[in-house]
Amino acid sequence: MNVMQNEEEEVGFGLQKYPADDETLSKTVEWLRFPLATAVIFTGVYPGSDVFGVAAPCIFLLYGFSFFFGIDRWNGNTYANKIKSRFGALIVPYLLWNIIAVCADASLALLKPDESFALRFSELYNRGLWRIFWNVGEWNVGNTDSIGRIAQGCAPYLAPLCLLRDLIVMVILSPLIYRAVRFGGMCFAALAGALYYTKAGFGAEQFTTALFFFSLGAQFGISGKNPVVALRRGRFYWMLAAIVCLPLSTYLDGSKAKDYVFPLFALSGAITAINLTAFFIERGALKAVSTLSKASFFVYAAHGVLILSLTSRLFD
């Protein structure tokens, strides 16, 4: 892949367009953006449906590649420019949509008095309002990882934005990730993969997913490899693994064994989703619709306020 320094042209969700010689890659990323945003929505609406579990890994992988794409060397200016370019695409929307969600709930509580909201906000105020942007909601409370540490999930006030929060954390840690990928190579990849599979060493399980797939994407971006081309190797085996692991993970729902099967499906499923999209795009069977692509983030963020919050309270 011809990697070159170029001004980033973002097309939504903080991902960028690529040079003309990477047309399949660019179209694959653009086409996937809206389905992935929709899949993240369904992950929240139907948490027991494993098939949508490939969405977050796919986004982290593509974002990791996009973030490090075209970087020849890393220094303070590189980091500052990356933070600046992502500030409006990640941080501002993250803060704004969480505040909108709080205001929407507060407004509805005034129109339709709700004691549960008053109690929830009082508890939140006592614990610290900063938690609005970090861990208001929690799930799998009491879960432990393979070494006995707490491994429960947590989310900000607008729960679907936990994915965006994790991306922001990865961006903040990008200097460390860059050096780990650049100088650690496969050793770091193996370590990140082990943390992802075992969920060991982190208090919140989703951060191991973010770290592994963001770092995997970073491997492609830093080495100058086109992920669409690189992931074609063994594509039939990845597809077979996804086909086997999906029903097995669904069957094992509620058991500890699922914790060891679902990560395999998420990995093989994410790679298969990218491979199949690229395959059909190259054959003209799929075409990216720029309007849907650009609207993906709005749909992803707004559904939490317009659907999960407003409708549940108005029609309760």
C-alpha atoms as a PDB file:
ATOM      1  CA  MET A   1       0.000   0.000   0.000  1.00  0.00           C
ATOM      2  CA  ASN A   2       1.335   3.392  -0.864  1.00  0.00           C
ATOM      3  CA  VAL A   3       1.421   5.184   2.468  1.00  0.00           C
ATOM      4  CA  MET A   4       1.906   8.924   2.192  1.00  0.00           C
ATOM      5  CA  GLN A   5       1.580  11.952   4.382  1.00  0.00           C
ATOM      6  CA  ASN A   6      -1.662  13.681   3.503  1.00  0.00           C
ATOM      7  CA  GLU A   7      -4.261  15.914   5.043  1.00  0.00           C
ATOM      8  CA  GLU A   8      -6.893  13.762   6.681  1.00  0.00           C
ATOM      9  CA  GLU A   9     -10.321  14.070   5.159  1.00  0.00           C
ATOM     10  CA  GLU A  10     -12.730  12.691   7.689  1.00  0.00           C
ATOM     11  CA  VAL A  11     -15.993  11.202   6.497  1.00  0.00           C
ATOM     12  CA  GLY A  12     -17.666  10.584   9.825  1.00  0.00           C
ATOM     13  CA  PHE A  13     -16.980   8.595  13.002  1.00  0.00           C
ATOM     14  CA  GLY A  14     -13.445  10.009  12.943  1.00  0.00           C
ATOM     15  CA  LEU A  15     -12.407   7.745  10.072  1.00  0.00           C
ATOM     16  CA  GLN A  16     -10.734   9.174   7.015  1.00  0.00           C
ATOM     17  CA  LYS A  17     -10.696   8.692   3.271  1.00  0.00           C
ATOM     18  CA  TYR A  18      -7.648   7.105   1.677  1.00  0.00           C
ATOM     19  CA  PRO A  19      -5.663   7.761  -1.527  1.00  0.00           C
ATOM     20  CA  ALA A  20      -7.103   6.692  -4.860  1.00  0.00           C
ATOM     21  CA  ASP A  21      -4.862   3.609  -5.061  1.00  0.00           C
ATOM     22  CA  ASP A  22      -6.667   2.231  -2.009  1.00  0.00           C
ATOM     23  CA  GLU A  23     -10.126   2.535  -3.528  1.00  0.00           C
ATOM     24  CA  THR A  24     -11.388  -0.821  -2.244  1.00  0.00           C
ATOM     25  CA  LEU A  25     -10.174  -0.018   1.258  1.00  0.00           C
ATOM     26  CA  SER A  26     -11.805   3.421   1.234  1.00  0.00           C
ATOM     27  CA  LYS A  27     -15.120   2.077  -0.080  1.00  0.00           C
ATOM     28  CA  THR A  28     -15.058  -0.813   2.388  1.00  0.00           C
ATOM     29  CA  VAL A  29     -14.609   1.547   5.345  1.00  0.00           C
ATOM     30  CA  GLU A  30     -17.245   3.939   4.027  1.00  0.00           C
ATOM     31  CA  TRP A  31     -19.811   1.196   3.360  1.00  0.00           C
ATOM     32  CA  LEU A  32     -19.277  -0.476   6.742  1.00  0.00           C
ATOM     33  CA  ARG A  33     -19.722   2.708   8.777  1.00  0.00           C
ATOM     34  CA  PHE A  34     -23.528   2.822   8.765  1.00  0.00           C
ATOM     35  CA  PRO A  35     -24.115  -0.950   9.286  1.00  0.00           C
ATOM     36  CA  LEU A  36     -21.605  -0.951  12.149  1.00  0.00           C
ATOM     37  CA  ALA A  37     -23.317   2.017  13.823  1.00  0.00           C
ATOM     38  CA  THR A  38     -26.655   0.209  13.437  1.00  0.00           C
ATOM     39  CA  ALA A  39     -25.163  -3.013  14.835  1.00  0.00           C
ATOM     40  CA  VAL A  40     -23.877  -1.139  17.901  1.00  0.00           C
ATOM     41  CA  ILE A  41     -27.428   0.111  18.451  1.00  0.00           C
ATOM     42  CA  PHE A  42     -28.830  -3.417  18.270  1.00  0.00           C
ATOM     43  CA  THR A  43     -26.112  -4.614  20.654  1.00  0.00           C
ATOM     44  CA  GLY A  44     -27.655  -2.330  23.270  1.00  0.00           C
ATOM     45  CA  VAL A  45     -31.245  -3.147  22.399  1.00  0.00           C
ATOM     46  CA  TYR A  46     -30.626  -6.917  22.168  1.00  0.00           C
ATOM     47  CA  PRO A  47     -27.600  -7.549  24.430  1.00  0.00           C
ATOM     48  CA  GLY A  48     -28.008 -11.302  24.178  1.00  0.00           C
ATOM     49  CA  SER A  49     -27.634 -11.342  20.390  1.00  0.00           C
ATOM     50  CA  ASP A  50     -24.017 -12.315  19.699  1.00  0.00           C
ATOM     51  CA  VAL A  51     -24.137 -11.604  15.964  1.00  0.00           C
ATOM     52  CA  PHE A  52     -23.992  -7.850  16.623  1.00  0.00           C
ATOM     53  CA  GLY A  53     -20.913  -8.348  18.797  1.00  0.00           C
ATOM     54  CA  VAL A  54     -18.598  -7.936  15.812  1.00  0.00           C
ATOM     55  CA  ALA A  55     -19.479  -4.236  15.493  1.00  0.00           C
ATOM     56  CA  ALA A  56     -17.274  -2.795  18.252  1.00  0.00           C
ATOM     57  CA  PRO A  57     -14.198  -4.926  17.353  1.00  0.00           C
ATOM     58  CA  CYS A  58     -14.606  -3.923  13.704  1.00  0.00           C
ATOM     59  CA  ILE A  59     -14.792  -0.223  14.595  1.00  0.00           C
ATOM     60  CA  PHE A  60     -11.765  -0.417  16.897  1.00  0.00           C
ATOM     61  CA  LEU A  61      -9.715  -2.233  14.248  1.00  0.00           C
ATOM     62  CA  LEU A  62     -10.571   0.202  11.458  1.00  0.00           C
ATOM     63  CA  TYR A  63     -10.122   3.190  13.720  1.00  0.00           C
ATOM     64  CA  GLY A  64      -6.713   1.967  14.896  1.00  0.00           C
ATOM     65  CA  PHE A  65      -5.620   1.678  11.277  1.00  0.00           C
ATOM     66  CA  SER A  66      -7.108   5.052  10.365  1.00  0.00           C
ATOM     67  CA  PHE A  67      -5.486   6.783  13.331  1.00  0.00           C
ATOM     68  CA  PHE A  68      -1.942   5.638  12.521  1.00  0.00           C
ATOM     69  CA  PHE A  69      -2.340   5.712   8.740  1.00  0.00           C
ATOM     70  CA  GLY A  70       0.396   7.690   6.986  1.00  0.00           C
ATOM     71  CA  ILE A  71       2.596   8.305  10.055  1.00  0.00           C
ATOM     72  CA  ASP A  72       6.313   7.999   9.289  1.00  0.00           C
ATOM     73  CA  ARG A  73       7.484   9.048  12.738  1.00  0.00           C
ATOM     74  CA  TRP A  74       5.897   9.898  16.069  1.00  0.00           C
ATOM     75  CA  ASN A  75       6.684  12.998  18.099  1.00  0.00           C
ATOM     76  CA  GLY A  76       4.967  15.647  20.196  1.00  0.00           C
ATOM     77  CA  ASN A  77       3.686  17.519  17.148  1.00  0.00           C
ATOM     78  CA  THR A  78       2.210  14.337  15.695  1.00  0.00           C
ATOM     79  CA  TYR A  79       0.347  13.657  18.925  1.00  0.00           C
ATOM     80  CA  ALA A  80      -0.883  17.251  19.201  1.00  0.00           C
ATOM     81  CA  ASN A  81      -2.153  17.211  15.610  1.00  0.00           C
ATOM     82  CA  LYS A  82      -3.919  13.891  16.138  1.00  0.00           C
ATOM     83  CA  ILE A  83      -5.621  15.118  19.306  1.00  0.00           C
ATOM     84  CA  LYS A  84      -6.618  18.346  17.546  1.00  0.00           C
ATOM     85  CA  SER A  85      -8.069  16.523  14.540  1.00  0.00           C
ATOM     86  CA  ARG A  86     -10.028  14.112  16.758  1.00  0.00           C
ATOM     87  CA  PHE A  87     -11.242  16.737  19.224  1.00  0.00           C
ATOM     88  CA  GLY A  88     -14.234  17.708  17.115  1.00  0.00           C
ATOM     89  CA  ALA A  89     -14.899  14.164  15.890  1.00  0.00           C
ATOM     90  CA  LEU A  90     -14.732  12.342  19.222  1.00  0.00           C
ATOM     91  CA  ILE A  91     -14.400  14.424  22.376  1.00  0.00           C
ATOM     92  CA  VAL A  92     -16.870  17.248  21.675  1.00  0.00           C
ATOM     93  CA  PRO A  93     -19.681  14.915  20.485  1.00  0.00           C
ATOM     94  CA  TYR A  94     -19.038  12.592  23.424  1.00  0.00           C
ATOM     95  CA  LEU A  95     -19.366  15.367  25.995  1.00  0.00           C
ATOM     96  CA  LEU A  96     -22.242  17.069  24.171  1.00  0.00           C
ATOM     97  CA  TRP A  97     -24.437  13.983  23.701  1.00  0.00           C
ATOM     98  CA  ASN A  98     -24.039  12.903  27.323  1.00  0.00           C
ATOM     99  CA  ILE A  99     -25.081  16.384  28.452  1.00  0.00           C
ATOM    100  CA  ILE A 100     -28.026  16.300  26.019  1.00  0.00           C
ATOM    101  CA  ALA A 101     -29.124  12.966  27.503  1.00  0.00           C
ATOM    102  CA  VAL A 102     -29.022  14.355  31.055  1.00  0.00           C
ATOM    103  CA  CYS A 103     -30.962  17.471  29.991  1.00  0.00           C
ATOM    104  CA  ALA A 104     -33.538  15.372  28.137  1.00  0.00           C
ATOM    105  CA  ASP A 105     -34.149  13.175  31.183  1.00  0.00           C
ATOM    106  CA  ALA A 106     -34.315  16.204  33.473  1.00  0.00           C
ATOM    107  CA  SER A 107     -36.820  17.939  31.178  1.00  0.00           C
ATOM    108  CA  LEU A 108     -39.014  14.853  31.026  1.00  0.00           C
ATOM    109  CA  ALA A 109     -38.822  14.492  34.803  1.00  0.00           C
ATOM    110  CA  LEU A 110     -40.273  18.014  35.102  1.00  0.00           C
ATOM    111  CA  LEU A 111     -43.040  17.274  32.576  1.00  0.00           C
ATOM    112  CA  LYS A 112     -43.712  13.809  33.955  1.00  0.00           C
ATOM    113  CA  PRO A 113     -42.483  13.548  37.558  1.00  0.00           C
ATOM    114  CA  ASP A 114     -40.350  10.468  38.088  1.00  0.00           C
ATOM    115  CA  GLU A 115     -39.015   9.615  41.529  1.00  0.00           C
ATOM    116  CA  SER A 116     -36.498   7.139  40.130  1.00  0.00           C
ATOM    117  CA  PHE A 117     -34.769   9.888  38.137  1.00  0.00           C
ATOM    118  CA  ALA A 118     -34.544  12.125  41.231  1.00  0.00           C
ATOM    119  CA  LEU A 119     -32.996   9.290  43.244  1.00  0.00           C
ATOM    120  CA  ARG A 120     -30.619   8.377  40.452  1.00  0.00           C
ATOM    121  CA  PHE A 121     -29.432  11.948  39.955  1.00  0.00           C
ATOM    122  CA  SER A 122     -29.089  12.490  43.712  1.00  0.00           C
ATOM    123  CA  GLU A 123     -26.887   9.393  43.941  1.00  0.00           C
ATOM    124  CA  LEU A 124     -24.915  10.560  40.924  1.00  0.00           C
ATOM    125  CA  TYR A 125     -24.398  13.993  42.481  1.00  0.00           C
ATOM    126  CA  ASN A 126     -23.120  12.418  45.698  1.00  0.00           C
ATOM    127  CA  ARG A 127     -20.726  10.093  43.850  1.00  0.00           C
ATOM    128  CA  GLY A 128     -19.468  12.869  41.564  1.00  0.00           C
ATOM    129  CA  LEU A 129     -20.985  14.409  38.445  1.00  0.00           C
ATOM    130  CA  TRP A 130     -17.857  13.488  36.479  1.00  0.00           C
ATOM    131  CA  ARG A 131     -19.251   9.945  36.387  1.00  0.00           C
ATOM    132  CA  ILE A 132     -21.745  11.177  33.774  1.00  0.00           C
ATOM    133  CA  PHE A 133     -18.871  10.830  31.325  1.00  0.00           C
ATOM    134  CA  TRP A 134     -17.438   7.565  32.664  1.00  0.00           C
ATOM    135  CA  ASN A 135     -19.383   4.976  34.656  1.00  0.00           C
ATOM    136  CA  VAL A 136     -22.973   5.846  35.542  1.00  0.00           C
ATOM    137  CA  GLY A 137     -24.192   2.443  34.360  1.00  0.00           C
ATOM    138  CA  GLU A 138     -22.627  -0.926  35.092  1.00  0.00           C
ATOM    139  CA  TRP A 139     -23.347  -4.463  33.952  1.00  0.00           C
ATOM    140  CA  ASN A 140     -22.049  -7.945  34.743  1.00  0.00           C
ATOM    141  CA  VAL A 141     -21.522  -6.623  38.283  1.00  0.00           C
ATOM    142  CA  GLY A 142     -19.459  -9.094  40.273  1.00  0.00           C
ATOM    143  CA  ASN A 143     -17.871 -10.731  37.229  1.00  0.00           C
ATOM    144  CA  THR A 144     -14.225 -11.646  37.595  1.00  0.00           C
ATOM    145  CA  ASP A 145     -11.490 -12.250  35.041  1.00  0.00           C
ATOM    146  CA  SER A 146      -9.149 -15.215  34.789  1.00  0.00           C
ATOM    147  CA  ILE A 147      -6.969 -13.970  37.649  1.00  0.00           C
ATOM    148  CA  GLY A 148      -9.839 -13.114  39.977  1.00  0.00           C
ATOM    149  CA  ARG A 149      -9.984  -9.337  39.412  1.00  0.00           C
ATOM    150  CA  ILE A 150     -13.288  -7.510  38.964  1.00  0.00           C
ATOM    151  CA  ALA A 151     -14.158  -7.474  35.258  1.00  0.00           C
ATOM    152  CA  GLN A 152     -17.542  -5.789  34.984  1.00  0.00           C
ATOM    153  CA  GLY A 153     -18.666  -3.449  32.234  1.00  0.00           C
ATOM    154  CA  CYS A 154     -19.368   0.249  32.722  1.00  0.00           C
ATOM    155  CA  ALA A 155     -20.889   3.020  30.627  1.00  0.00           C
ATOM    156  CA  PRO A 156     -21.382   6.803  30.702  1.00  0.00           C
ATOM    157  CA  TYR A 157     -24.803   8.414  31.174  1.00  0.00           C
ATOM    158  CA  LEU A 158     -25.664   7.797  27.525  1.00  0.00           C
ATOM    159  CA  ALA A 159     -24.743   4.118  27.624  1.00  0.00           C
ATOM    160  CA  PRO A 160     -24.209   3.468  23.871  1.00  0.00           C
ATOM    161  CA  LEU A 161     -21.386   6.025  23.927  1.00  0.00           C
ATOM    162  CA  CYS A 162     -19.194   3.646  25.936  1.00  0.00           C
ATOM    163  CA  LEU A 163     -17.667   2.673  22.591  1.00  0.00           C
ATOM    164  CA  LEU A 164     -16.807   6.304  21.872  1.00  0.00           C
ATOM    165  CA  ARG A 165     -15.355   6.671  25.377  1.00  0.00           C
ATOM    166  CA  ASP A 166     -13.113   3.666  24.807  1.00  0.00           C
ATOM    167  CA  LEU A 167     -11.934   5.135  21.488  1.00  0.00           C
ATOM    168  CA  ILE A 168     -11.035   8.375  23.281  1.00  0.00           C
ATOM    169  CA  VAL A 169      -9.033   6.380  25.843  1.00  0.00           C
ATOM    170  CA  MET A 170      -7.162   4.644  23.008  1.00  0.00           C
ATOM    171  CA  VAL A 171      -6.415   7.995  21.364  1.00  0.00           C
ATOM    172  CA  ILE A 172      -5.047   9.361  24.656  1.00  0.00           C
ATOM    173  CA  LEU A 173      -2.872   6.253  25.027  1.00  0.00           C
ATOM    174  CA  SER A 174      -1.780   6.349  21.364  1.00  0.00           C
ATOM    175  CA  PRO A 175       1.858   7.379  22.062  1.00  0.00           C
ATOM    176  CA  LEU A 176       2.282   4.268  24.229  1.00  0.00           C
ATOM    177  CA  ILE A 177       0.440   2.082  21.719  1.00  0.00           C
ATOM    178  CA  TYR A 178       2.561   3.421  18.857  1.00  0.00           C
ATOM    179  CA  ARG A 179       5.809   2.556  20.643  1.00  0.00           C
ATOM    180  CA  ALA A 180       4.497  -0.812  21.796  1.00  0.00           C
ATOM    181  CA  VAL A 181       3.469  -1.748  18.250  1.00  0.00           C
ATOM    182  CA  ARG A 182       6.553  -0.267  16.635  1.00  0.00           C
ATOM    183  CA  PHE A 183       9.111  -1.865  18.943  1.00  0.00           C
ATOM    184  CA  GLY A 184       7.163  -4.731  20.482  1.00  0.00           C
ATOM    185  CA  GLY A 185       5.863  -6.175  17.236  1.00  0.00           C
ATOM    186  CA  MET A 186       4.326  -9.621  17.584  1.00  0.00           C
ATOM    187  CA  CYS A 187       5.220  -9.791  21.294  1.00  0.00           C
ATOM    188  CA  PHE A 188       2.925  -6.867  22.022  1.00  0.00           C
ATOM    189  CA  ALA A 189       0.264  -8.305  19.700  1.00  0.00           C
ATOM    190  CA  ALA A 190       0.395 -11.588  21.612  1.00  0.00           C
ATOM    191  CA  LEU A 191       0.165  -9.758  24.962  1.00  0.00           C
ATOM    192  CA  ALA A 192      -2.804  -7.644  23.818  1.00  0.00           C
ATOM    193  CA  GLY A 193      -4.463 -10.785  22.440  1.00  0.00           C
ATOM    194  CA  ALA A 194      -3.955 -12.640  25.728  1.00  0.00           C
ATOM    195  CA  LEU A 195      -5.446  -9.734  27.707  1.00  0.00           C
ATOM    196  CA  TYR A 196      -8.402  -9.639  25.324  1.00  0.00           C
ATOM    197  CA  TYR A 197      -9.053 -13.361  25.544  1.00  0.00           C
ATOM    198  CA  THR A 198      -8.655 -13.650  29.316  1.00  0.00           C
ATOM    199  CA  LYS A 199      -9.818 -10.102  30.248  1.00  0.00           C
ATOM    200  CA  ALA A 200      -6.991 -10.165  32.782  1.00  0.00           C
ATOM    201  CA  GLY A 201      -5.648  -7.055  34.446  1.00  0.00           C
ATOM    202  CA  PHE A 202      -8.405  -4.508  33.704  1.00  0.00           C
ATOM    203  CA  GLY A 203     -11.302  -3.413  35.871  1.00  0.00           C
ATOM    204  CA  ALA A 204     -13.653  -3.015  32.907  1.00  0.00           C
ATOM    205  CA  GLU A 205     -13.797  -5.848  30.385  1.00  0.00           C
ATOM    206  CA  GLN A 206     -14.469  -3.706  27.292  1.00  0.00           C
ATOM    207  CA  PHE A 207     -11.077  -1.978  27.541  1.00  0.00           C
ATOM    208  CA  THR A 208      -9.289  -5.223  26.688  1.00  0.00           C
ATOM    209  CA  THR A 209     -11.397  -5.433  23.523  1.00  0.00           C
ATOM    210  CA  ALA A 210     -10.602  -1.830  22.616  1.00  0.00           C
ATOM    211  CA  LEU A 211      -6.869  -2.280  23.259  1.00  0.00           C
ATOM    212  CA  PHE A 212      -6.538  -5.480  21.244  1.00  0.00           C
ATOM    213  CA  PHE A 213      -8.465  -4.435  18.142  1.00  0.00           C
ATOM    214  CA  PHE A 214      -7.199  -0.839  18.140  1.00  0.00           C
ATOM    215  CA  SER A 215      -3.639  -2.204  18.396  1.00  0.00           C
ATOM    216  CA  LEU A 216      -4.346  -4.720  15.638  1.00  0.00           C
ATOM    217  CA  GLY A 217      -5.466  -1.877  13.379  1.00  0.00           C
ATOM    218  CA  ALA A 218      -2.413   0.110  14.461  1.00  0.00           C
ATOM    219  CA  GLN A 219      -0.208  -2.775  13.273  1.00  0.00           C
ATOM    220  CA  PHE A 220      -1.549  -2.283   9.751  1.00  0.00           C
ATOM    221  CA  GLY A 221      -1.353   1.503   9.864  1.00  0.00           C
ATOM    222  CA  ILE A 222       2.199   1.685  11.240  1.00  0.00           C
ATOM    223  CA  SER A 223       3.589  -1.071   8.988  1.00  0.00           C
ATOM    224  CA  GLY A 224       1.903   0.437   5.913  1.00  0.00           C
ATOM    225  CA  LYS A 225      -0.131  -2.670   5.131  1.00  0.00           C
ATOM    226  CA  ASN A 226      -3.582  -2.511   3.593  1.00  0.00           C
ATOM    227  CA  PRO A 227      -5.854  -4.401   6.050  1.00  0.00           C
ATOM    228  CA  VAL A 228      -8.257  -5.404   3.283  1.00  0.00           C
ATOM    229  CA  VAL A 229      -5.404  -7.164   1.473  1.00  0.00           C
ATOM    230  CA  ALA A 230      -3.696  -8.541   4.581  1.00  0.00           C
ATOM    231  CA  LEU A 231      -6.895  -9.983   6.091  1.00  0.00           C
ATOM    232  CA  ARG A 232      -7.630 -11.971   2.924  1.00  0.00           C
ATOM    233  CA  ARG A 233      -5.063 -14.520   3.999  1.00  0.00           C
ATOM    234  CA  GLY A 234      -6.899 -17.432   5.530  1.00  0.00           C
ATOM    235  CA  ARG A 235     -10.268 -15.772   4.885  1.00  0.00           C
ATOM    236  CA  PHE A 236     -12.037 -19.106   4.473  1.00  0.00           C
ATOM    237  CA  TYR A 237     -10.714 -20.316   7.824  1.00  0.00           C
ATOM    238  CA  TRP A 238     -11.811 -17.069   9.495  1.00  0.00           C
ATOM    239  CA  MET A 239     -15.266 -17.477   7.969  1.00  0.00           C
ATOM    240  CA  LEU A 240     -15.468 -21.110   9.087  1.00  0.00           C
ATOM    241  CA  ALA A 241     -14.441 -20.099  12.614  1.00  0.00           C
ATOM    242  CA  ALA A 242     -17.152 -17.419  12.707  1.00  0.00           C
ATOM    243  CA  ILE A 243     -19.795 -19.870  11.442  1.00  0.00           C
ATOM    244  CA  VAL A 244     -18.845 -22.414  14.123  1.00  0.00           C
ATOM    245  CA  CYS A 245     -18.356 -19.987  17.026  1.00  0.00           C
ATOM    246  CA  LEU A 246     -21.556 -17.943  16.580  1.00  0.00           C
ATOM    247  CA  PRO A 247     -24.090 -20.734  17.283  1.00  0.00           C
ATOM    248  CA  LEU A 248     -21.785 -22.242  19.913  1.00  0.00           C
ATOM    249  CA  SER A 249     -21.509 -18.906  21.735  1.00  0.00           C
ATOM    250  CA  THR A 250     -25.273 -18.447  21.567  1.00  0.00           C
ATOM    251  CA  TYR A 251     -25.839 -21.978  22.897  1.00  0.00           C
ATOM    252  CA  LEU A 252     -23.448 -21.356  25.807  1.00  0.00           C
ATOM    253  CA  ASP A 253     -25.166 -18.100  26.814  1.00  0.00           C
ATOM    254  CA  GLY A 254     -25.164 -17.754  30.592  1.00  0.00           C
ATOM    255  CA  SER A 255     -22.292 -20.168  31.168  1.00  0.00           C
ATOM    256  CA  LYS A 256     -18.648 -19.428  31.940  1.00  0.00           C
ATOM    257  CA  ALA A 257     -17.601 -21.301  28.798  1.00  0.00           C
ATOM    258  CA  LYS A 258     -19.134 -18.537  26.682  1.00  0.00           C
ATOM    259  CA  ASP A 259     -16.390 -16.187  27.901  1.00  0.00           C
ATOM    260  CA  TYR A 260     -13.881 -18.278  25.959  1.00  0.00           C
ATOM    261  CA  VAL A 261     -15.937 -18.792  22.793  1.00  0.00           C
ATOM    262  CA  PHE A 262     -17.383 -15.332  22.167  1.00  0.00           C
ATOM    263  CA  PRO A 263     -13.974 -13.582  21.869  1.00  0.00           C
ATOM    264  CA  LEU A 264     -13.086 -16.047  19.109  1.00  0.00           C
ATOM    265  CA  PHE A 265     -16.328 -15.231  17.290  1.00  0.00           C
ATOM    266  CA  ALA A 266     -15.799 -11.479  17.706  1.00  0.00           C
ATOM    267  CA  LEU A 267     -12.325 -11.741  16.142  1.00  0.00           C
ATOM    268  CA  SER A 268     -13.239 -14.099  13.303  1.00  0.00           C
ATOM    269  CA  GLY A 269     -16.552 -12.304  12.724  1.00  0.00           C
ATOM    270  CA  ALA A 270     -14.949  -8.864  12.475  1.00  0.00           C
ATOM    271  CA  ILE A 271     -12.357 -10.102   9.985  1.00  0.00           C
ATOM    272  CA  THR A 272     -15.056 -11.913   7.987  1.00  0.00           C
ATOM    273  CA  ALA A 273     -17.242  -8.790   7.896  1.00  0.00           C
ATOM    274  CA  ILE A 274     -14.366  -6.787   6.403  1.00  0.00           C
ATOM    275  CA  ASN A 275     -13.485  -9.566   3.927  1.00  0.00           C
ATOM    276  CA  LEU A 276     -17.054 -10.047   2.698  1.00  0.00           C
ATOM    277  CA  THR A 277     -17.650  -6.306   2.336  1.00  0.00           C
ATOM    278  CA  ALA A 278     -14.455  -5.869   0.307  1.00  0.00           C
ATOM    279  CA  PHE A 279     -15.347  -8.948  -1.802  1.00  0.00           C
ATOM    280  CA  PHE A 280     -18.771  -7.621  -2.791  1.00  0.00           C
ATOM    281  CA  ILE A 281     -17.511  -4.068  -3.319  1.00  0.00           C
ATOM    282  CA  GLU A 282     -14.837  -5.268  -5.736  1.00  0.00           C
ATOM    283  CA  ARG A 283     -17.535  -7.071  -7.706  1.00  0.00           C
ATOM    284  CA  GLY A 284     -19.867  -4.088  -7.757  1.00  0.00           C
ATOM    285  CA  ALA A 285     -22.531  -5.772  -5.630  1.00  0.00           C
ATOM    286  CA  LEU A 286     -22.231  -3.169  -2.864  1.00  0.00           C
ATOM    287  CA  LYS A 287     -21.974   0.590  -3.183  1.00  0.00           C
ATOM    288  CA  ALA A 288     -21.336   3.027  -0.352  1.00  0.00           C
ATOM    289  CA  VAL A 289     -24.011   5.690   0.114  1.00  0.00           C
ATOM    290  CA  SER A 290     -22.258   8.820   1.365  1.00  0.00           C
ATOM    291  CA  THR A 291     -25.430  10.206   2.968  1.00  0.00           C
ATOM    292  CA  LEU A 292     -25.833   7.127   5.160  1.00  0.00           C
ATOM    293  CA  SER A 293     -22.126   7.071   5.911  1.00  0.00           C
ATOM    294  CA  LYS A 294     -22.097  10.677   7.086  1.00  0.00           C
ATOM    295  CA  ALA A 295     -25.259  10.149   9.128  1.00  0.00           C
ATOM    296  CA  SER A 296     -23.874   7.105  10.937  1.00  0.00           C
ATOM    297  CA  PHE A 297     -22.626   8.925  14.006  1.00  0.00           C
ATOM    298  CA  PHE A 298     -25.833  10.926  14.437  1.00  0.00           C
ATOM    299  CA  VAL A 299     -27.894   7.731  14.263  1.00  0.00           C
ATOM    300  CA  TYR A 300     -25.548   6.017  16.711  1.00  0.00           C
ATOM    301  CA  ALA A 301     -25.609   8.863  19.261  1.00  0.00           C
ATOM    302  CA  ALA A 302     -29.167  10.146  18.840  1.00  0.00           C
ATOM    303  CA  HIS A 303     -30.899   6.790  19.207  1.00  0.00           C
ATOM    304  CA  GLY A 304     -29.909   6.668  22.866  1.00  0.00           C
ATOM    305  CA  VAL A 305     -31.756   9.910  23.555  1.00  0.00           C
ATOM    306  CA  LEU A 306     -34.600   9.681  21.048  1.00  0.00           C
ATOM    307  CA  ILE A 307     -35.384   5.977  21.443  1.00  0.00           C
ATOM    308  CA  LEU A 308     -33.955   4.525  24.641  1.00  0.00           C
ATOM    309  CA  SER A 309     -34.601   7.547  26.827  1.00  0.00           C
ATOM    310  CA  LEU A 310     -37.525   9.600  25.473  1.00  0.00           C
ATOM    311  CA  THR A 311     -39.801   6.785  24.290  1.00  0.00           C
ATOM    312  CA  SER A 312     -39.268   4.643  27.386  1.00  0.00           C
ATOM    313  CA  ARG A 313     -40.258   7.552  29.638  1.00  0.00           C
ATOM    314  CA  LEU A 314     -43.041   9.003  27.519  1.00  0.00           C
ATOM    315  CA  PHE A 315     -44.806   5.671  27.071  1.00  0.00           C
ATOM    316  CA  ASP A 316     -44.000   4.176  30.460  1.00  0.00           C
END
